[in-house]
Protein backbone atom coordinates (compact mmCIF):
# COMPACT_ATOMS: atom_id res chain seq x y z
CA MET A 1 -88.57 168.33 208.66
CA PRO A 2 -86.18 165.89 206.20
CA TYR A 3 -87.60 162.88 207.01
CA PHE A 4 -85.41 160.11 206.26
CA ASP A 5 -86.71 156.97 208.74
CA ASN A 6 -88.82 155.37 206.26
CA ALA A 7 -87.55 151.98 207.28
CA ALA A 8 -89.27 152.58 210.23
CA THR A 9 -92.62 153.94 208.71
CA SER A 10 -93.06 155.95 205.78
CA PHE A 11 -93.59 159.84 205.96
CA PRO A 12 -95.65 161.30 204.38
CA LYS A 13 -98.59 159.52 203.27
CA PRO A 14 -100.03 160.03 199.50
CA ASP A 15 -102.99 162.39 199.79
CA CYS A 16 -105.02 159.76 198.26
CA VAL A 17 -104.50 157.64 201.59
CA LEU A 18 -105.27 160.12 203.92
CA ALA A 19 -108.43 160.99 201.59
CA ALA A 20 -109.59 157.14 201.71
CA VAL A 21 -108.82 157.36 206.07
CA GLU A 22 -110.85 160.28 206.51
CA ASP A 23 -113.62 159.36 203.86
CA CYS A 24 -113.99 155.84 205.47
CA LEU A 25 -114.00 157.44 209.37
CA ARG A 26 -116.60 160.29 208.36
CA ASN A 27 -118.93 157.72 206.69
CA TYR A 28 -118.96 153.96 206.93
CA ALA A 29 -116.32 152.96 209.66
CA ALA A 30 -118.77 150.40 211.00
CA ASN A 31 -118.11 147.03 212.15
CA PRO A 32 -117.09 144.81 209.03
CA GLY A 33 -118.66 141.18 209.05
CA ARG A 34 -120.66 141.74 212.42
CA SER A 35 -123.86 143.44 211.11
CA GLY A 36 -126.00 143.43 207.72
CA HIS A 37 -126.58 147.18 207.66
CA SER A 38 -125.61 149.28 204.97
CA MET A 39 -122.62 150.94 206.66
CA ALA A 40 -121.06 147.25 208.24
CA LEU A 41 -121.45 146.03 204.52
CA LYS A 42 -119.81 148.63 202.46
CA MET A 43 -117.22 148.22 204.75
CA ASP A 44 -116.38 144.51 204.20
CA ARG A 45 -116.70 144.94 200.75
CA ALA A 46 -113.98 147.85 200.55
CA ILE A 47 -111.77 145.40 202.74
CA TYR A 48 -112.23 142.68 200.34
CA ASP A 49 -111.47 144.44 197.37
CA THR A 50 -108.09 145.46 199.12
CA ARG A 51 -107.55 141.77 199.80
CA GLU A 52 -108.24 141.09 196.52
CA ARG A 53 -105.83 143.71 195.12
CA LEU A 54 -103.32 142.97 197.52
CA CYS A 55 -103.01 139.29 196.55
CA ASP A 56 -102.99 139.90 192.86
CA PHE A 57 -100.08 142.76 194.10
CA ILE A 58 -97.80 139.86 195.23
CA GLY A 59 -98.76 137.46 192.55
CA GLY A 60 -100.79 135.09 195.00
CA GLU A 61 -103.03 132.45 194.05
CA ASP A 62 -105.89 133.24 196.44
CA PRO A 63 -107.45 136.08 197.97
CA LEU A 64 -108.77 134.35 201.03
CA ARG A 65 -105.42 133.11 201.84
CA THR A 66 -104.19 136.59 202.11
CA VAL A 67 -104.60 137.78 206.02
CA PHE A 68 -104.81 140.80 207.42
CA THR A 69 -102.53 141.74 210.52
CA TYR A 70 -101.84 144.43 212.61
CA ASN A 71 -98.25 144.46 211.48
CA CYS A 72 -95.18 142.69 210.27
CA THR A 73 -94.17 141.04 213.61
CA ASP A 74 -97.54 140.03 213.96
CA SER A 75 -97.55 138.28 210.95
CA LEU A 76 -94.22 136.69 211.69
CA ASN A 77 -95.47 135.26 214.78
CA THR A 78 -98.40 134.08 213.29
CA ALA A 79 -96.42 132.24 210.85
CA ILE A 80 -93.65 130.64 212.60
CA HIS A 81 -95.60 129.61 215.83
CA GLY A 82 -98.56 128.27 213.32
CA PHE A 83 -96.16 126.66 210.94
CA LEU A 84 -93.61 125.02 213.26
CA ARG A 85 -93.91 121.75 215.26
CA SER A 86 -92.15 120.17 217.98
CA GLY A 87 -88.82 118.77 216.51
CA ASP A 88 -88.66 120.76 213.30
CA HIS A 89 -85.33 121.96 212.38
CA VAL A 90 -85.42 125.82 211.13
CA VAL A 91 -82.88 127.52 208.98
CA THR A 92 -82.54 131.70 209.19
CA THR A 93 -79.47 134.12 208.84
CA SER A 94 -77.55 136.52 210.90
CA MET A 95 -79.23 139.52 208.86
CA GLU A 96 -82.90 139.03 210.56
CA HIS A 97 -84.93 141.38 212.46
CA ASN A 98 -86.08 140.18 215.95
CA SER A 99 -89.42 139.80 214.97
CA VAL A 100 -87.68 136.32 213.21
CA ASN A 101 -85.06 136.54 215.99
CA ARG A 102 -87.42 136.30 219.27
CA PRO A 103 -89.97 133.70 218.13
CA LEU A 104 -87.14 131.35 216.66
CA MET A 105 -85.19 131.97 220.23
CA GLU A 106 -88.27 131.50 221.74
CA MET A 107 -89.23 127.97 220.60
CA LYS A 108 -85.66 126.92 220.60
CA ASN A 109 -84.88 127.79 223.99
CA LYS A 110 -87.89 125.64 224.95
CA GLY A 111 -86.41 122.75 223.18
CA LEU A 112 -88.94 122.86 220.89
CA ILE A 113 -86.93 123.20 217.63
CA GLU A 114 -83.28 123.17 216.11
CA LEU A 115 -81.93 126.22 214.74
CA THR A 116 -79.33 127.33 212.68
CA ILE A 117 -78.48 130.50 211.77
CA VAL A 118 -76.41 131.18 208.48
CA GLU A 119 -73.62 134.10 208.92
CA GLY A 120 -73.82 136.81 206.42
CA ASP A 121 -70.81 138.55 204.89
CA ARG A 122 -69.58 142.18 206.32
CA GLN A 123 -71.87 143.51 203.83
CA GLY A 124 -74.68 141.66 204.71
CA ASN A 125 -74.76 139.03 201.74
CA ILE A 126 -76.25 135.55 201.92
CA THR A 127 -75.65 132.94 199.48
CA THR A 128 -78.16 130.58 198.35
CA GLU A 129 -75.67 128.17 198.26
CA GLN A 130 -75.07 128.38 202.12
CA ILE A 131 -78.85 127.94 202.76
CA VAL A 132 -79.05 124.93 200.86
CA THR A 133 -75.84 123.40 202.88
CA ALA A 134 -77.74 124.13 206.14
CA LEU A 135 -80.47 122.10 205.16
CA ARG A 136 -81.18 119.08 207.20
CA LYS A 137 -83.65 116.06 206.73
CA ASN A 138 -85.94 117.54 209.51
CA THR A 139 -85.57 121.15 208.30
CA SER A 140 -89.17 122.02 207.91
CA LEU A 141 -88.87 125.77 207.22
CA VAL A 142 -86.36 128.57 205.99
CA CYS A 143 -87.08 132.08 207.01
CA MET A 144 -84.75 134.89 205.71
CA THR A 145 -85.61 138.63 205.11
CA HIS A 146 -86.08 140.16 201.96
CA MET A 147 -83.72 142.95 202.28
CA SER A 148 -82.26 144.01 205.46
CA ASN A 149 -83.21 146.79 207.51
CA LEU A 150 -79.66 147.48 208.60
CA THR A 151 -77.72 147.71 205.35
CA GLY A 152 -80.21 147.40 202.57
CA THR A 153 -79.09 144.45 201.17
CA ILE A 154 -81.30 142.52 198.99
CA MET A 155 -81.62 138.77 199.72
CA PRO A 156 -81.58 135.95 197.14
CA VAL A 157 -84.75 135.73 197.63
CA GLU A 158 -86.13 133.65 194.20
CA GLU A 159 -82.92 131.74 193.87
CA VAL A 160 -83.17 130.31 197.27
CA GLY A 161 -87.25 129.57 196.68
CA LYS A 162 -86.43 127.66 193.86
CA ALA A 163 -83.27 125.65 195.38
CA ILE A 164 -84.99 124.78 198.36
CA HIS A 165 -88.56 124.11 196.58
CA GLY A 166 -89.83 120.74 197.78
CA LYS A 167 -87.25 120.45 200.71
CA ALA A 168 -88.98 123.00 203.17
CA ALA A 169 -91.42 125.76 203.32
CA PHE A 170 -90.23 129.43 202.57
CA LEU A 171 -90.82 132.27 204.70
CA VAL A 172 -89.85 135.67 203.75
CA ASP A 173 -89.90 138.56 205.68
CA ALA A 174 -90.89 141.19 203.05
CA ALA A 175 -90.68 144.52 205.89
CA GLN A 176 -88.52 146.37 203.92
CA SER A 177 -88.96 145.23 200.49
CA ILE A 178 -92.73 145.35 199.92
CA GLY A 179 -94.06 148.37 197.62
CA VAL A 180 -89.96 148.86 197.06
CA LEU A 181 -88.83 145.91 195.20
CA PRO A 182 -91.28 143.63 192.75
CA ILE A 183 -92.53 140.40 194.49
CA HIS A 184 -94.57 137.46 192.66
CA VAL A 185 -94.93 134.69 195.48
CA GLN A 186 -95.47 132.26 193.01
CA GLU A 187 -92.99 132.62 190.76
CA MET A 188 -90.16 132.97 193.88
CA GLN A 189 -91.78 129.55 195.37
CA ILE A 190 -92.69 131.75 198.74
CA ASP A 191 -95.16 129.62 200.68
CA MET A 192 -95.65 132.40 203.53
CA LEU A 193 -94.75 136.27 203.05
CA CYS A 194 -95.32 138.53 205.89
CA PHE A 195 -95.23 142.42 205.56
CA PRO A 196 -96.51 145.39 207.34
CA GLY A 197 -98.73 148.10 205.76
CA HIS A 198 -97.21 151.10 207.24
CA LYS A 199 -94.15 151.28 205.53
CA GLY A 200 -93.46 150.41 201.65
CA LEU A 201 -97.50 150.23 200.96
CA PHE A 202 -97.88 153.84 202.44
CA ALA A 203 -100.51 152.77 205.11
CA PRO A 204 -101.27 153.91 208.30
CA MET A 205 -99.82 152.06 211.35
CA GLY A 206 -101.76 149.02 212.43
CA THR A 207 -101.62 147.36 209.48
CA GLY A 208 -99.65 143.98 207.88
CA GLY A 209 -100.66 140.94 206.19
CA LEU A 210 -99.47 137.12 205.71
CA TYR A 211 -99.87 135.64 202.77
CA ILE A 212 -100.01 131.86 203.17
CA ALA A 213 -99.55 129.33 199.79
CA PRO A 214 -102.46 126.97 199.11
CA GLY A 215 -101.32 123.31 201.12
CA VAL A 216 -99.42 125.29 203.56
CA GLU A 217 -101.91 125.05 207.22
CA LEU A 218 -101.29 126.81 210.29
CA GLN A 219 -102.26 126.58 213.88
CA THR A 220 -104.01 129.34 215.18
CA ILE A 221 -102.01 131.14 217.78
CA ARG A 222 -105.27 133.50 218.73
CA GLN A 223 -108.90 132.59 218.83
CA GLY A 224 -112.01 134.79 219.08
CA GLY A 225 -115.06 136.54 217.26
CA THR A 226 -114.54 136.20 213.44
CA GLY A 227 -118.04 136.45 212.70
CA SER A 228 -118.80 133.07 211.18
CA PHE A 229 -119.76 130.53 212.66
CA SER A 230 -120.81 132.38 216.04
CA GLN A 231 -122.50 129.09 217.59
CA ASP A 232 -119.33 127.05 217.35
CA PHE A 233 -116.89 126.94 220.25
CA VAL A 234 -113.87 126.25 218.11
CA GLN A 235 -112.15 128.49 216.08
CA PRO A 236 -113.61 128.15 212.40
CA GLN A 237 -111.85 126.43 209.72
CA ILE A 238 -112.52 128.35 206.15
CA MET A 239 -110.00 131.43 205.69
CA PRO A 240 -109.35 134.08 206.30
CA ASP A 241 -111.20 133.55 209.24
CA ARG A 242 -109.34 131.04 211.03
CA LEU A 243 -106.67 133.71 211.20
CA GLU A 244 -108.29 136.85 211.59
CA SER A 245 -109.88 137.06 214.90
CA GLY A 246 -111.26 140.06 216.47
CA THR A 247 -112.44 143.67 214.95
CA PRO A 248 -109.94 144.41 211.87
CA ASN A 249 -108.34 147.74 211.79
CA GLY A 250 -110.90 148.78 209.02
CA PRO A 251 -109.85 151.81 208.26
CA GLY A 252 -106.06 151.57 208.16
CA ILE A 253 -107.02 148.75 205.46
CA ILE A 254 -108.90 150.87 203.57
CA GLY A 255 -105.66 153.20 203.88
CA LEU A 256 -103.73 150.09 202.82
CA GLY A 257 -105.95 150.00 199.23
CA ALA A 258 -105.47 153.45 198.42
CA GLY A 259 -101.70 152.97 198.90
CA LEU A 260 -101.66 150.29 196.59
CA SER A 261 -103.72 152.38 193.91
CA PHE A 262 -100.80 155.02 194.47
CA ILE A 263 -98.02 152.38 193.72
CA GLU A 264 -99.83 151.14 191.34
CA GLU A 265 -100.81 154.49 189.30
CA THR A 266 -97.06 156.07 189.87
CA GLY A 267 -94.98 152.38 188.99
CA ILE A 268 -93.39 150.33 191.40
CA ASP A 269 -90.51 150.97 189.25
CA THR A 270 -90.62 154.40 189.07
CA LEU A 271 -90.76 154.95 193.13
CA HIS A 272 -87.64 152.56 193.35
CA GLN A 273 -85.83 154.88 191.13
CA GLN A 274 -86.41 157.85 192.82
CA GLU A 275 -85.68 156.43 196.14
CA MET A 276 -82.39 154.62 194.73
CA LYS A 277 -81.51 158.05 193.02
CA ARG A 278 -82.03 159.79 196.69
CA MET A 279 -79.51 157.32 197.99
CA ARG A 280 -77.15 157.55 195.21
CA GLN A 281 -76.63 161.18 195.61
CA MET A 282 -76.18 161.34 199.20
CA ILE A 283 -73.10 158.36 198.94
CA ASP A 284 -71.56 160.41 196.60
CA GLY A 285 -71.66 163.43 198.85
CA ILE A 286 -70.59 161.55 201.83
CA GLN A 287 -67.87 158.75 200.79
CA ASP A 288 -65.09 160.95 200.24
CA GLU A 289 -65.48 162.45 203.61
CA GLU A 290 -62.72 160.66 205.54
CA ARG A 291 -64.61 159.93 209.17
CA ILE A 292 -67.89 159.00 207.56
CA LEU A 293 -68.20 154.95 207.30
CA LEU A 294 -70.46 153.64 205.29
CA TYR A 295 -72.65 150.38 205.88
CA GLY A 296 -73.42 147.69 203.21
CA PRO A 297 -72.75 146.61 199.60
CA LEU A 298 -73.29 150.38 198.35
CA ASP A 299 -74.36 148.78 194.68
CA GLU A 300 -77.01 147.24 192.98
CA ARG A 301 -77.65 144.72 195.72
CA GLN A 302 -78.50 147.40 198.11
CA GLY A 303 -81.95 148.81 198.55
CA PRO A 304 -82.89 152.35 199.24
CA VAL A 305 -81.24 152.19 203.10
CA LEU A 306 -78.29 153.59 204.15
CA SER A 307 -76.10 153.45 207.08
CA LEU A 308 -73.13 154.86 208.50
CA ASN A 309 -71.35 155.92 211.24
CA ILE A 310 -68.79 159.29 212.11
CA HIS A 311 -66.00 157.65 213.42
CA GLY A 312 -65.39 158.61 217.45
CA MET A 313 -69.24 159.46 217.65
CA ASP A 314 -71.85 157.86 219.08
CA SER A 315 -74.80 156.93 216.68
CA ALA A 316 -77.03 158.32 218.92
CA GLU A 317 -75.63 161.78 218.93
CA VAL A 318 -74.87 162.00 215.38
CA ALA A 319 -78.81 161.37 215.20
CA TYR A 320 -79.47 164.23 217.91
CA ARG A 321 -77.21 166.88 216.22
CA LEU A 322 -78.77 165.83 213.09
CA ASP A 323 -82.44 166.78 214.66
CA GLN A 324 -81.84 169.30 216.72
CA ASP A 325 -79.52 171.35 214.57
CA TYR A 326 -80.67 170.46 211.34
CA GLY A 327 -84.51 169.37 211.87
CA ILE A 328 -83.24 166.10 209.87
CA ALA A 329 -85.03 162.86 211.19
CA VAL A 330 -82.99 159.53 211.00
CA ARG A 331 -82.99 156.41 213.35
CA PRO A 332 -79.84 155.49 215.22
CA GLY A 333 -78.75 152.36 217.49
CA LEU A 334 -79.35 148.80 217.26
CA HIS A 335 -82.62 149.13 214.78
CA CYS A 336 -83.84 145.58 216.36
CA ALA A 337 -81.00 143.79 214.80
CA PRO A 338 -78.44 142.67 216.88
CA LEU A 339 -77.34 139.48 214.87
CA ALA A 340 -77.22 141.62 211.85
CA HIS A 341 -74.76 144.41 213.44
CA LYS A 342 -72.72 141.76 214.76
CA THR A 343 -72.44 140.54 211.39
CA ILE A 344 -71.21 144.19 210.23
CA GLY A 345 -69.27 144.58 213.03
CA THR A 346 -71.37 147.56 214.44
CA LEU A 347 -72.91 145.96 217.85
CA ASP A 348 -71.06 148.29 219.96
CA THR A 349 -71.69 151.49 218.16
CA GLY A 350 -74.73 150.52 216.60
CA VAL A 351 -75.29 152.63 213.15
CA VAL A 352 -77.55 155.92 212.02
CA ARG A 353 -79.57 154.99 209.36
CA PHE A 354 -80.96 156.72 206.71
CA SER A 355 -83.94 155.21 204.45
CA PHE A 356 -85.84 156.94 201.27
CA SER A 357 -88.76 157.66 200.16
CA TYR A 358 -90.22 158.66 196.91
CA PHE A 359 -90.87 161.92 198.56
CA ASN A 360 -87.33 162.95 199.67
CA THR A 361 -85.99 165.77 197.24
CA GLU A 362 -82.91 166.82 196.15
CA GLU A 363 -82.68 169.69 198.44
CA GLU A 364 -83.53 167.45 201.52
CA VAL A 365 -80.69 164.93 200.39
CA ASP A 366 -78.40 168.16 200.01
CA LEU A 367 -78.83 169.39 203.41
CA ALA A 368 -78.16 166.16 204.92
CA VAL A 369 -75.10 165.68 203.28
CA ASP A 370 -74.02 169.26 204.55
CA ALA A 371 -74.60 168.57 207.37
CA LEU A 372 -72.90 165.29 208.00
CA ARG A 373 -70.16 166.80 206.50
CA ARG A 374 -70.24 169.75 209.01
CA ILE A 375 -71.10 166.96 212.09
CA ALA A 376 -67.74 164.70 210.88
CA ARG A 377 -65.54 167.93 210.46
CA GLY A 378 -66.35 169.05 213.97
CA GLU A 379 -68.36 172.30 213.08
């Protein structure tokens, strides 16, 4: 099946990831940090190795401030609820996923924070000037996506980070960008970076991470066993234990480490160029089709995510036809980003989203282009 739903989760996974997870499950999948036997120690060392490599991959300062989570939503909730205090003002954008929208709205509706939502344009673009203009005296946090999951629009994260440094903390949702675009948290002045493992890092589901810059402190939103300071009834203060209660997804984290190896060996630029080549191929193949509507900048400001509609058809109907008649996997609907849909004018219709992978072939894109043309022409 030609698979174009990589913005939801990447598929297929590289062979090295499958091999690493299988080896772990077969040979040493014990509970790390809880036991002193050789299997547990091997798992513990393998997880720390991944933590260290992940910190280096994003340009972090301290591996112990790279926290493993269960997905990007978990990371964002840990960061948002852990950082904000009563009376804080937050600046965010209309292009955010509900993993940002809902935690912030929950706190706003309880009267805990004030919230400003900066509006994007019809292509999903946000400017640094808009963010800076929205700052107030009590602004403690700016929270924005690096790349829109709806339009693929790449936000000026580094420019924003430098512009607000020293004025507010900067939280970046890298759900769509990690493993796709270069990220260096120190150069970009990012204070908290949230990301999944199962998308651009090629790890299994149930993996994610949160990097917290030195000097940024979070309250815990969950407490429990950490394998350390077990005599105490309060959560440990040391990192990453403070934010990592419970047994981690050890095999998944091992898979994440293997995904990093694949990215490093292949080259993130090589991966990105291939993904963009396939998206450009699709744009070139359908942009002149009269009934097909394309969204996003459609230029260098867009990552490998392409949303479209066929005039007069519901997005779910188009996706169903692609699946049933042509064996092509895409995602229709609102993509958990209603404000973004409102921004680009598709809240009532949703869109059909194609999201590309290094593993998509020229032949698969040709098949998708032909299918969309046929559907648009009523064939």
